[in-house]
Protein backbone atom coordinates (compact mmCIF):
# COMPACT_ATOMS: atom_id res chain seq x y z
CA MET A 1 15.28 -28.93 9.48
CA SER A 2 11.65 -29.98 9.62
CA GLN A 3 10.30 -31.02 12.97
CA PRO A 4 9.10 -34.59 13.58
CA PRO A 5 5.47 -35.23 14.46
CA ARG A 6 4.59 -34.41 18.05
CA ALA A 7 4.66 -37.43 20.34
CA GLN A 8 1.37 -38.24 22.02
CA ARG A 9 1.13 -37.53 25.72
CA PRO A 10 -1.14 -39.37 28.15
CA ASP A 11 -3.61 -36.43 28.19
CA ASP A 12 -3.73 -36.50 24.36
CA VAL A 13 -5.01 -40.08 24.15
CA GLY A 14 -7.65 -40.30 26.82
CA GLY A 15 -5.43 -41.41 29.68
CA GLU A 16 -3.48 -44.05 27.78
CA THR A 17 0.29 -43.77 27.76
CA SER A 18 2.37 -43.67 24.58
CA ASP A 19 5.02 -46.35 23.94
CA ALA A 20 7.81 -43.98 24.99
CA ALA A 21 6.07 -42.88 28.18
CA SER A 22 5.30 -46.43 29.28
CA ALA A 23 8.90 -47.54 28.70
CA LEU A 24 10.40 -44.87 30.94
CA PRO A 25 10.70 -45.67 34.66
CA MET A 26 9.83 -42.31 36.20
CA ALA A 27 10.14 -43.27 39.87
CA ASP A 28 13.94 -43.07 39.98
CA GLY A 29 14.51 -41.05 36.78
CA LEU A 30 16.82 -43.71 35.35
CA VAL A 31 16.35 -44.60 31.68
CA ASP A 32 18.50 -47.13 29.85
CA SER A 33 19.74 -45.79 26.51
CA VAL A 34 18.72 -49.03 24.77
CA THR A 35 15.13 -48.50 25.94
CA LEU A 36 15.18 -44.85 24.94
CA MET A 37 16.72 -45.33 21.48
CA LYS A 38 14.75 -48.52 20.60
CA GLY A 39 17.38 -49.69 18.10
CA ARG A 40 17.78 -46.28 16.44
CA ARG A 41 21.08 -44.41 16.12
CA GLU A 42 19.41 -41.00 16.34
CA LEU A 43 16.49 -39.49 18.23
CA ILE A 44 14.91 -36.04 17.87
CA ILE A 45 13.82 -34.48 21.17
CA ARG A 46 11.55 -31.47 21.48
CA HIS A 47 12.06 -29.37 24.61
CA GLY A 48 9.67 -26.42 24.63
CA ALA A 49 10.22 -24.56 21.37
CA ASP A 50 13.68 -26.08 20.82
CA THR A 51 14.61 -29.28 18.98
CA TYR A 52 17.61 -31.40 19.98
CA ARG A 53 19.26 -34.39 18.32
CA LEU A 54 20.50 -37.28 20.48
CA ARG A 55 22.71 -39.65 18.55
CA ILE A 56 24.99 -42.61 19.12
CA THR A 57 28.44 -42.10 17.61
CA ALA A 58 30.60 -44.67 15.83
CA SER A 59 32.50 -45.09 19.12
CA ASN A 60 29.20 -45.80 20.94
CA LYS A 61 29.05 -42.46 22.80
CA LEU A 62 25.93 -40.32 23.17
CA ILE A 63 25.96 -36.77 21.80
CA LEU A 64 23.15 -34.25 22.31
CA THR A 65 23.17 -31.26 19.94
CA LYS A 66 20.80 -28.38 19.39
């Protein structure tokens, strides 16, 4: 599986936040799945050297797989 392009971080773009970073309320750590998924059924997440797939199932459950 090829890896998706690396998401920009605030330090990558001269202090500006990316769309994903600005949408996430970091104060309480709570993120709504609708905000996170942005209408997609699947999201690829990079964590260190590993890649994970977060997807919404047909029964509207979230599954995270490596």
